[in-house]
Structure formats: structure tokens, C-alpha cells
């Protein structure tokens, strides 16, 4: 089995792991329904782009 010749430094290790973070969801206030919702998703009340999709 191959063994690395040198120890990976803290900076190299952290640079490699910078893309593994968890991002916060984008939440915006929707004026049409008067509630918060995530972008590009149906609201809890069933509205998307100001239209009720449950009908």
C-alpha cells in the first residue's frame, strides 16, 4: 500500500476541505402569502410564483 512521503500540512488539508461545508438555505419573505419560504420551492401553503398549485 502506498504511503505519503510527507505529512499534509494544516493549510493544504483545510484548502482541500473548504468545499465540504454546509450552506445555509436561502429564505425570503413572500409578500403574496405573507410568509417565509425557500427560493424555487413551493411554500407550505401550496403557492409558487403567486399561484396556488393545489387547485
Protein backbone atom coordinates (compact mmCIF):
# COMPACT_ATOMS: atom_id res chain seq x y z
CA UNK A 1 0.00 0.00 0.00
CA UNK A 2 1.30 3.47 -0.88
CA UNK A 3 2.39 5.77 1.93
CA UNK A 4 2.68 9.56 1.53
CA UNK A 5 6.26 10.81 1.59
CA UNK A 6 5.40 13.97 3.52
CA UNK A 7 2.81 14.95 6.10
CA UNK A 8 -0.04 17.03 4.67
CA UNK A 9 0.14 20.48 6.22
CA UNK A 10 -2.83 22.04 8.02
CA UNK A 11 -3.22 24.68 5.32
CA UNK A 12 -3.28 22.16 2.46
CA UNK A 13 -5.74 19.98 4.34
CA UNK A 14 -8.03 22.93 5.08
CA UNK A 15 -7.84 24.20 1.49
CA UNK A 16 -8.97 20.80 0.26
CA UNK A 17 -11.89 20.73 2.72
CA UNK A 18 -13.23 24.24 2.03
CA UNK A 19 -15.78 22.87 -0.46
CA UNK A 20 -17.26 20.39 2.02
CA UNK A 21 -19.11 22.98 4.09
CA UNK A 22 -22.87 23.04 4.53
CA UNK A 23 -24.51 26.16 3.14
CA UNK A 24 -27.46 27.93 4.72
CA UNK A 25 -30.76 27.67 2.82
CA UNK A 26 -31.90 30.83 1.05
CA UNK A 27 -35.08 32.01 2.76
CA UNK A 28 -37.03 35.04 1.57
CA UNK A 29 -40.25 36.74 2.63
CA UNK A 30 -43.09 36.23 0.14
CA UNK A 31 -45.45 39.21 0.02
CA UNK A 32 -48.19 37.28 -1.79
CA UNK A 33 -48.80 34.81 1.03
CA UNK A 34 -47.28 36.82 3.88
CA UNK A 35 -44.90 34.07 4.97
CA UNK A 36 -41.29 32.98 4.59
CA UNK A 37 -40.32 30.38 2.01
CA UNK A 38 -37.25 28.89 0.36
CA UNK A 39 -36.29 30.03 -3.12
CA UNK A 40 -37.52 27.93 -6.08
CA UNK A 41 -39.74 25.77 -3.88
CA UNK A 42 -43.44 25.56 -3.14
CA UNK A 43 -44.48 27.28 0.09
CA UNK A 44 -46.09 25.39 2.94
CA UNK A 45 -49.45 26.86 1.94
CA UNK A 46 -49.14 25.48 -1.61
CA UNK A 47 -48.17 28.63 -3.51
CA UNK A 48 -45.49 29.00 -6.18
CA UNK A 49 -44.88 32.31 -8.03
CA UNK A 50 -48.07 33.73 -6.53
CA UNK A 51 -50.32 30.93 -7.79
CA UNK A 52 -51.96 28.18 -5.78
CA UNK A 53 -50.84 24.89 -7.29
CA UNK A 54 -53.17 22.71 -5.18
CA UNK A 55 -56.19 23.65 -7.27
